[in-house]
PDB file of N, CA and C in Angstrom:
ATOM      1  N   MET A   1      12.703  49.347 -11.964  1.00  0.00           N
ATOM      2  CA  MET A   1      13.254  48.157 -10.992  1.00  0.00           C
ATOM      3  C   MET A   1      14.089  47.705 -11.671  1.00  0.00           C
ATOM      4  N   THR A   2      14.871  46.540 -11.227  1.00  0.00           N
ATOM      5  CA  THR A   2      15.511  45.740 -12.259  1.00  0.00           C
ATOM      6  C   THR A   2      16.138  44.745 -11.027  1.00  0.00           C
ATOM      7  N   GLN A   3      16.404  43.142 -11.753  1.00  0.00           N
ATOM      8  CA  GLN A   3      16.770  42.357 -10.516  1.00  0.00           C
ATOM      9  C   GLN A   3      18.202  43.009  -9.542  1.00  0.00           C
ATOM     10  N   LYS A   4      19.189  43.269 -10.219  1.00  0.00           N
ATOM     11  CA  LYS A   4      20.099  44.364  -9.664  1.00  0.00           C
ATOM     12  C   LYS A   4      20.077  45.095  -8.491  1.00  0.00           C
ATOM     13  N   SER A   5      18.689  46.311  -8.929  1.00  0.00           N
ATOM     14  CA  SER A   5      18.750  47.415  -8.185  1.00  0.00           C
ATOM     15  C   SER A   5      17.418  46.714  -6.590  1.00  0.00           C
ATOM     16  N   LEU A   6      16.835  45.655  -6.850  1.00  0.00           N
ATOM     17  CA  LEU A   6      16.073  44.781  -6.055  1.00  0.00           C
ATOM     18  C   LEU A   6      16.882  44.331  -4.864  1.00  0.00           C
ATOM     19  N   ASN A   7      17.960  43.326  -5.552  1.00  0.00           N
ATOM     20  CA  ASN A   7      19.288  42.785  -4.949  1.00  0.00           C
ATOM     21  C   ASN A   7      19.979  43.825  -3.913  1.00  0.00           C
ATOM     22  N   GLU A   8      20.123  45.123  -4.603  1.00  0.00           N
ATOM     23  CA  GLU A   8      21.159  46.063  -4.091  1.00  0.00           C
ATOM     24  C   GLU A   8      20.190  46.723  -2.794  1.00  0.00           C
ATOM     25  N   LYS A   9      18.792  47.230  -2.567  1.00  0.00           N
ATOM     26  CA  LYS A   9      17.719  47.598  -1.979  1.00  0.00           C
ATOM     27  C   LYS A   9      17.776  46.453  -0.874  1.00  0.00           C
ATOM     28  N   LEU A  10      18.066  45.149  -0.794  1.00  0.00           N
ATOM     29  CA  LEU A  10      17.527  44.162  -0.216  1.00  0.00           C
ATOM     30  C   LEU A  10      19.203  43.852   0.964  1.00  0.00           C
ATOM     31  N   LYS A  11      20.572  43.743   0.591  1.00  0.00           N
ATOM     32  CA  LYS A  11      21.374  44.055   0.853  1.00  0.00           C
ATOM     33  C   LYS A  11      21.349  45.309   1.831  1.00  0.00           C
ATOM     34  N   ALA A  12      21.059  46.166   1.568  1.00  0.00           N
ATOM     35  CA  ALA A  12      20.645  47.520   2.178  1.00  0.00           C
ATOM     36  C   ALA A  12      19.650  47.463   3.977  1.00  0.00           C
ATOM     37  N   VAL A  13      18.832  46.423   3.347  1.00  0.00           N
ATOM     38  CA  VAL A  13      17.723  46.177   3.894  1.00  0.00           C
ATOM     39  C   VAL A  13      19.182  45.389   5.277  1.00  0.00           C
ATOM     40  N   TYR A  14      19.355  44.240   4.981  1.00  0.00           N
ATOM     41  CA  TYR A  14      19.932  43.136   5.610  1.00  0.00           C
ATOM     42  C   TYR A  14      21.216  44.501   6.985  1.00  0.00           C
ATOM     43  N   LYS A  15      21.855  44.832   5.631  1.00  0.00           N
ATOM     44  CA  LYS A  15      22.760  46.478   6.802  1.00  0.00           C
ATOM     45  C   LYS A  15      22.528  47.248   7.535  1.00  0.00           C
ATOM     46  N   ASN A  16      21.023  47.580   7.253  1.00  0.00           N
ATOM     47  CA  ASN A  16      20.276  48.236   8.221  1.00  0.00           C
ATOM     48  C   ASN A  16      19.645  47.386   9.524  1.00  0.00           C
ATOM     49  N   ALA A  17      19.673  46.273   9.397  1.00  0.00           N
ATOM     50  CA  ALA A  17      18.492  45.548  10.236  1.00  0.00           C
ATOM     51  C   ALA A  17      19.965  44.379  11.389  1.00  0.00           C
ATOM     52  N   GLY A  18      21.268  44.776  10.792  1.00  0.00           N
ATOM     53  CA  GLY A  18      22.399  44.482  11.389  1.00  0.00           C
ATOM     54  C   GLY A  18      23.060  42.990  11.073  1.00  0.00           C
ATOM     55  N   ILE A  19      22.295  42.154  10.329  1.00  0.00           N
ATOM     56  CA  ILE A  19      22.454  41.073   8.880  1.00  0.00           C
ATOM     57  C   ILE A  19      23.641  41.091   8.274  1.00  0.00           C
ATOM     58  N   GLU A  20      24.796  40.348   9.143  1.00  0.00           N
ATOM     59  CA  GLU A  20      25.915  40.081   8.226  1.00  0.00           C
ATOM     60  C   GLU A  20      25.877  39.093   7.277  1.00  0.00           C
ATOM     61  N   LYS A  21      26.582  39.175   5.980  1.00  0.00           N
ATOM     62  CA  LYS A  21      26.759  37.968   5.127  1.00  0.00           C
ATOM     63  C   LYS A  21      27.599  37.064   5.632  1.00  0.00           C
ATOM     64  N   GLN A  22      26.637  36.329   5.636  1.00  0.00           N
ATOM     65  CA  GLN A  22      27.865  35.057   5.850  1.00  0.00           C
ATOM     66  C   GLN A  22      28.899  34.415   4.799  1.00  0.00           C
ATOM     67  N   LYS A  23      30.081  33.594   4.769  1.00  0.00           N
ATOM     68  CA  LYS A  23      30.945  33.181   4.461  1.00  0.00           C
ATOM     69  C   LYS A  23      30.267  32.176   2.914  1.00  0.00           C
ATOM     70  N   ASP A  24      30.448  32.327   1.976  1.00  0.00           N
ATOM     71  CA  ASP A  24      29.792  31.176   0.450  1.00  0.00           C
ATOM     72  C   ASP A  24      27.998  31.360   0.600  1.00  0.00           C
ATOM     73  N   SER A  25      27.757  32.308   0.871  1.00  0.00           N
ATOM     74  CA  SER A  25      26.378  32.150   1.102  1.00  0.00           C
ATOM     75  C   SER A  25      25.890  34.035   0.098  1.00  0.00           C
ATOM     76  N   ILE A  26      24.200  33.814  -0.648  1.00  0.00           N
ATOM     77  CA  ILE A  26      24.554  34.478  -1.359  1.00  0.00           C
ATOM     78  C   ILE A  26      23.347  35.913  -1.121  1.00  0.00           C
ATOM     79  N   LEU A  27      23.309  36.653  -0.669  1.00  0.00           N
ATOM     80  CA  LEU A  27      22.257  37.702  -0.440  1.00  0.00           C
ATOM     81  C   LEU A  27      21.389  38.353  -1.904  1.00  0.00           C
ATOM     82  N   ALA A  28      20.388  37.564  -2.503  1.00  0.00           N
ATOM     83  CA  ALA A  28      19.481  38.084  -3.354  1.00  0.00           C
ATOM     84  C   ALA A  28      18.618  37.925  -3.014  1.00  0.00           C
ATOM     85  N   LEU A  29      17.677  38.152  -3.835  1.00  0.00           N
ATOM     86  CA  LEU A  29      16.072  38.004  -3.452  1.00  0.00           C
ATOM     87  C   LEU A  29      15.433  36.751  -4.237  1.00  0.00           C
ATOM     88  N   TYR A  30      16.531  36.157  -5.414  1.00  0.00           N
ATOM     89  CA  TYR A  30      16.223  34.631  -5.691  1.00  0.00           C
ATOM     90  C   TYR A  30      16.494  33.671  -4.672  1.00  0.00           C
ATOM     91  N   SER A  31      17.597  33.918  -4.080  1.00  0.00           N
ATOM     92  CA  SER A  31      18.163  33.034  -2.873  1.00  0.00           C
ATOM     93  C   SER A  31      17.238  32.901  -1.623  1.00  0.00           C
ATOM     94  N   LEU A  32      16.602  34.524  -1.400  1.00  0.00           N
ATOM     95  CA  LEU A  32      15.393  34.527  -0.450  1.00  0.00           C
ATOM     96  C   LEU A  32      14.378  33.416  -0.666  1.00  0.00           C
ATOM     97  N   ARG A  33      13.834  33.709  -1.791  1.00  0.00           N
ATOM     98  CA  ARG A  33      12.438  32.541  -2.651  1.00  0.00           C
ATOM     99  C   ARG A  33      12.761  31.408  -2.349  1.00  0.00           C
ATOM    100  N   VAL A  34      13.778  31.021  -2.539  1.00  0.00           N
ATOM    101  CA  VAL A  34      14.349  29.489  -2.663  1.00  0.00           C
ATOM    102  C   VAL A  34      14.385  29.327  -0.979  1.00  0.00           C
ATOM    103  N   TYR A  35      14.623  29.875  -0.202  1.00  0.00           N
ATOM    104  CA  TYR A  35      14.795  29.721   0.982  1.00  0.00           C
ATOM    105  C   TYR A  35      13.208  29.680   1.866  1.00  0.00           C
ATOM    106  N   LEU A  36      12.792  31.035   1.238  1.00  0.00           N
ATOM    107  CA  LEU A  36      11.388  30.888   1.933  1.00  0.00           C
ATOM    108  C   LEU A  36      10.436  29.595   1.306  1.00  0.00           C
ATOM    109  N   SER A  37      10.475  29.376  -0.101  1.00  0.00           N
ATOM    110  CA  SER A  37       9.412  28.486   0.004  1.00  0.00           C
ATOM    111  C   SER A  37      10.331  26.751   0.495  1.00  0.00           C
ATOM    112  N   SER A  38      11.371  26.766   0.236  1.00  0.00           N
ATOM    113  CA  SER A  38      11.940  25.300   0.795  1.00  0.00           C
ATOM    114  C   SER A  38      10.924  25.110   2.744  1.00  0.00           C
ATOM    115  N   LEU A  39      11.183  26.679   3.144  1.00  0.00           N
ATOM    116  CA  LEU A  39      10.477  26.522   4.920  1.00  0.00           C
ATOM    117  C   LEU A  39       8.716  25.972   4.336  1.00  0.00           C
ATOM    118  N   ILE A  40       8.660  26.671   3.361  1.00  0.00           N
ATOM    119  CA  ILE A  40       6.697  26.771   3.371  1.00  0.00           C
ATOM    120  C   ILE A  40       6.858  25.051   2.898  1.00  0.00           C
ATOM    121  N   GLY A  41       7.225  24.447   2.772  1.00  0.00           N
ATOM    122  CA  GLY A  41       6.943  23.485   1.343  1.00  0.00           C
ATOM    123  C   GLY A  41       7.537  22.347   2.205  1.00  0.00           C
ATOM    124  N   ASN A  42       8.038  22.463   3.090  1.00  0.00           N
ATOM    125  CA  ASN A  42       8.500  21.745   4.696  1.00  0.00           C
ATOM    126  C   ASN A  42       7.192  21.787   5.884  1.00  0.00           C
ATOM    127  N   ASP A  43       6.451  22.715   5.937  1.00  0.00           N
ATOM    128  CA  ASP A  43       5.598  23.043   6.719  1.00  0.00           C
ATOM    129  C   ASP A  43       4.331  21.869   6.909  1.00  0.00           C
ATOM    130  N   ASN A  44       4.438  21.473   7.434  1.00  0.00           N
ATOM    131  CA  ASN A  44       2.646  20.303   7.364  1.00  0.00           C
ATOM    132  C   ASN A  44       1.446  20.842   7.489  1.00  0.00           C
ATOM    133  N   ARG A  45       1.564  22.098   8.114  1.00  0.00           N
ATOM    134  CA  ARG A  45       0.886  22.847   8.562  1.00  0.00           C
ATOM    135  C   ARG A  45       0.067  24.032   7.016  1.00  0.00           C
ATOM    136  N   ILE A  46       0.999  24.261   6.271  1.00  0.00           N
ATOM    137  CA  ILE A  46       0.436  24.811   4.994  1.00  0.00           C
ATOM    138  C   ILE A  46       0.354  23.712   3.832  1.00  0.00           C
ATOM    139  N   SER A  47      -0.499  23.693   2.653  1.00  0.00           N
ATOM    140  CA  SER A  47      -1.012  22.788   1.546  1.00  0.00           C
ATOM    141  C   SER A  47       0.118  23.089   0.703  1.00  0.00           C
ATOM    142  N   ASN A  48       0.686  22.489  -0.042  1.00  0.00           N
ATOM    143  CA  ASN A  48       1.943  22.092  -0.982  1.00  0.00           C
ATOM    144  C   ASN A  48       0.913  22.823  -2.049  1.00  0.00           C
ATOM    145  N   MET A  49      -0.201  22.538  -1.995  1.00  0.00           N
ATOM    146  CA  MET A  49      -1.309  22.493  -3.396  1.00  0.00           C
ATOM    147  C   MET A  49      -1.355  24.048  -3.310  1.00  0.00           C
ATOM    148  N   TYR A  50      -1.667  25.011  -2.540  1.00  0.00           N
ATOM    149  CA  TYR A  50      -1.616  26.352  -1.822  1.00  0.00           C
ATOM    150  C   TYR A  50      -0.532  27.197  -2.401  1.00  0.00           C
ATOM    151  N   ALA A  51       0.566  26.660  -1.621  1.00  0.00           N
ATOM    152  CA  ALA A  51       2.091  27.336  -1.918  1.00  0.00           C
ATOM    153  C   ALA A  51       2.841  27.093  -2.921  1.00  0.00           C
ATOM    154  N   CYS A  52       2.458  26.187  -4.133  1.00  0.00           N
ATOM    155  CA  CYS A  52       2.711  26.184  -5.006  1.00  0.00           C
ATOM    156  C   CYS A  52       1.837  27.231  -6.040  1.00  0.00           C
ATOM    157  N   GLN A  53       0.922  27.325  -5.964  1.00  0.00           N
ATOM    158  CA  GLN A  53       0.475  28.630  -6.487  1.00  0.00           C
ATOM    159  C   GLN A  53       0.340  29.903  -6.333  1.00  0.00           C
ATOM    160  N   ARG A  54       1.110  30.101  -4.816  1.00  0.00           N
ATOM    161  CA  ARG A  54       1.502  31.606  -4.667  1.00  0.00           C
ATOM    162  C   ARG A  54       3.017  32.146  -4.675  1.00  0.00           C
ATOM    163  N   MET A  55       3.595  30.426  -4.879  1.00  0.00           N
ATOM    164  CA  MET A  55       5.090  30.482  -5.419  1.00  0.00           C
ATOM    165  C   MET A  55       5.286  30.845  -6.888  1.00  0.00           C
ATOM    166  N   GLY A  56       4.318  30.532  -7.802  1.00  0.00           N
ATOM    167  CA  GLY A  56       3.758  30.551  -9.485  1.00  0.00           C
ATOM    168  C   GLY A  56       4.650  29.085 -10.273  1.00  0.00           C
ATOM    169  N   ASN A  57       4.150  28.258  -9.547  1.00  0.00           N
ATOM    170  CA  ASN A  57       4.961  27.053  -9.889  1.00  0.00           C
ATOM    171  C   ASN A  57       3.666  25.556  -9.780  1.00  0.00           C
ATOM    172  N   THR A  58       4.083  24.773 -10.649  1.00  0.00           N
ATOM    173  CA  THR A  58       3.112  23.859 -10.705  1.00  0.00           C
ATOM    174  C   THR A  58       3.653  22.742  -9.614  1.00  0.00           C
ATOM    175  N   ILE A  59       2.519  21.933  -8.798  1.00  0.00           N
ATOM    176  CA  ILE A  59       3.163  20.944  -8.007  1.00  0.00           C
ATOM    177  C   ILE A  59       4.419  19.846  -8.013  1.00  0.00           C
ATOM    178  N   GLN A  60       4.219  20.066  -9.239  1.00  0.00           N
ATOM    179  CA  GLN A  60       5.454  18.815  -9.591  1.00  0.00           C
ATOM    180  C   GLN A  60       6.858  19.913  -9.357  1.00  0.00           C
ATOM    181  N   VAL A  61       6.708  20.681  -9.866  1.00  0.00           N
ATOM    182  CA  VAL A  61       8.346  21.963  -9.674  1.00  0.00           C
ATOM    183  C   VAL A  61       8.597  21.742  -8.495  1.00  0.00           C
ATOM    184  N   PHE A  62       7.262  22.410  -7.643  1.00  0.00           N
ATOM    185  CA  PHE A  62       7.394  22.658  -6.410  1.00  0.00           C
ATOM    186  C   PHE A  62       7.882  21.918  -4.700  1.00  0.00           C
ATOM    187  N   LEU A  63       6.999  20.044  -5.505  1.00  0.00           N
ATOM    188  CA  LEU A  63       7.873  19.418  -4.721  1.00  0.00           C
ATOM    189  C   LEU A  63       8.836  18.961  -5.375  1.00  0.00           C
ATOM    190  N   SER A  64       9.494  18.930  -6.493  1.00  0.00           N
ATOM    191  CA  SER A  64      10.778  18.581  -6.870  1.00  0.00           C
ATOM    192  C   SER A  64      11.960  19.656  -6.293  1.00  0.00           C
ATOM    193  N   LYS A  65      11.602  20.793  -6.286  1.00  0.00           N
ATOM    194  CA  LYS A  65      12.527  22.133  -5.944  1.00  0.00           C
ATOM    195  C   LYS A  65      12.381  21.675  -4.704  1.00  0.00           C
ATOM    196  N   TYR A  66      11.654  22.501  -3.800  1.00  0.00           N
ATOM    197  CA  TYR A  66      11.794  22.560  -2.871  1.00  0.00           C
ATOM    198  C   TYR A  66      11.076  22.061  -1.147  1.00  0.00           C
ATOM    199  N   VAL A  67      10.520  20.628  -1.569  1.00  0.00           N
ATOM    200  CA  VAL A  67      10.245  19.846  -0.568  1.00  0.00           C
ATOM    201  C   VAL A  67      11.043  18.976  -0.318  1.00  0.00           C
ATOM    202  N   LYS A  68      11.759  18.913   0.473  1.00  0.00           N
ATOM    203  CA  LYS A  68      12.516  17.455   0.910  1.00  0.00           C
ATOM    204  C   LYS A  68      11.899  15.946   1.211  1.00  0.00           C
ATOM    205  N   GLU A  69      11.537  15.041   0.615  1.00  0.00           N
ATOM    206  CA  GLU A  69      10.639  13.746   0.742  1.00  0.00           C
ATOM    207  C   GLU A  69      11.466  12.769  -0.042  1.00  0.00           C
ATOM    208  N   ASN A  70      11.188  11.617   0.549  1.00  0.00           N
ATOM    209  CA  ASN A  70      11.341  10.608  -0.608  1.00  0.00           C
ATOM    210  C   ASN A  70      10.103   9.877  -1.218  1.00  0.00           C
ATOM    211  N   ARG A  71      10.800   9.343  -1.934  1.00  0.00           N
ATOM    212  CA  ARG A  71      10.502   9.006  -3.286  1.00  0.00           C
ATOM    213  C   ARG A  71       9.021   8.324  -3.063  1.00  0.00           C
ATOM    214  N   GLU A  72       9.078   7.502  -2.343  1.00  0.00           N
ATOM    215  CA  GLU A  72       7.237   7.146  -2.253  1.00  0.00           C
ATOM    216  C   GLU A  72       6.446   8.375  -1.764  1.00  0.00           C
ATOM    217  N   SER A  73       6.815   9.347  -0.414  1.00  0.00           N
ATOM    218  CA  SER A  73       6.046  10.162  -0.360  1.00  0.00           C
ATOM    219  C   SER A  73       5.361  11.123  -1.830  1.00  0.00           C
ATOM    220  N   TYR A  74       6.459  11.011  -2.483  1.00  0.00           N
ATOM    221  CA  TYR A  74       6.495  12.247  -3.924  1.00  0.00           C
ATOM    222  C   TYR A  74       5.369  11.608  -4.273  1.00  0.00           C
ATOM    223  N   LYS A  75       5.451   9.605  -4.952  1.00  0.00           N
ATOM    224  CA  LYS A  75       4.544   9.421  -5.746  1.00  0.00           C
ATOM    225  C   LYS A  75       3.513   9.430  -5.236  1.00  0.00           C
ATOM    226  N   GLU A  76       3.097   9.369  -3.425  1.00  0.00           N
ATOM    227  CA  GLU A  76       1.833   9.161  -2.849  1.00  0.00           C
ATOM    228  C   GLU A  76       0.977  10.852  -2.913  1.00  0.00           C
ATOM    229  N   ASN A  77       2.042  12.056  -3.247  1.00  0.00           N
ATOM    230  CA  ASN A  77       1.538  13.304  -3.837  1.00  0.00           C
ATOM    231  C   ASN A  77       0.750  13.468  -4.566  1.00  0.00           C
ATOM    232  N   SER A  78       1.344  13.095  -5.886  1.00  0.00           N
ATOM    233  CA  SER A  78       1.655  13.094  -7.049  1.00  0.00           C
ATOM    234  C   SER A  78      -0.041  12.459  -7.684  1.00  0.00           C
ATOM    235  N   GLN A  79       0.141  11.189  -7.418  1.00  0.00           N
ATOM    236  CA  GLN A  79      -1.349  10.511  -7.482  1.00  0.00           C
ATOM    237  C   GLN A  79      -2.507  10.858  -6.796  1.00  0.00           C
ATOM    238  N   LEU A  80      -2.462  11.395  -5.895  1.00  0.00           N
ATOM    239  CA  LEU A  80      -3.225  12.085  -4.656  1.00  0.00           C
ATOM    240  C   LEU A  80      -3.998  13.547  -5.721  1.00  0.00           C
ATOM    241  N   CYS A  81      -2.944  14.397  -6.334  1.00  0.00           N
ATOM    242  CA  CYS A  81      -3.045  15.528  -7.169  1.00  0.00           C
ATOM    243  C   CYS A  81      -3.847  15.393  -8.255  1.00  0.00           C
ATOM    244  N   ASN A  82      -3.585  13.649  -9.083  1.00  0.00           N
ATOM    245  CA  ASN A  82      -4.033  13.573 -10.157  1.00  0.00           C
ATOM    246  C   ASN A  82      -5.460  12.731 -10.131  1.00  0.00           C
ATOM    247  N   ARG A  83      -5.848  13.140  -9.385  1.00  0.00           N
ATOM    248  CA  ARG A  83      -7.521  11.915  -9.173  1.00  0.00           C
ATOM    249  C   ARG A  83      -8.414  13.335  -9.811  1.00  0.00           C
TER     250      ARG A  83
END
């Protein structure tokens, strides 16, 4: 399996499900991963530490890429993780 073949399979699944590509959007596994990571990262019911481990990132990478929060909140989370 290659990245290209997986993306082609994903497009076939979208087509079978009747999901159409929106203008200026990308139908690829990577963009789906980023989207899901953002949803998980911004859900207060799921631990960011758990989510970053499941996604294969460090907490710093996960928070900076996927979690949309202000710098003060990021600082607080970073201090909690470094204790």
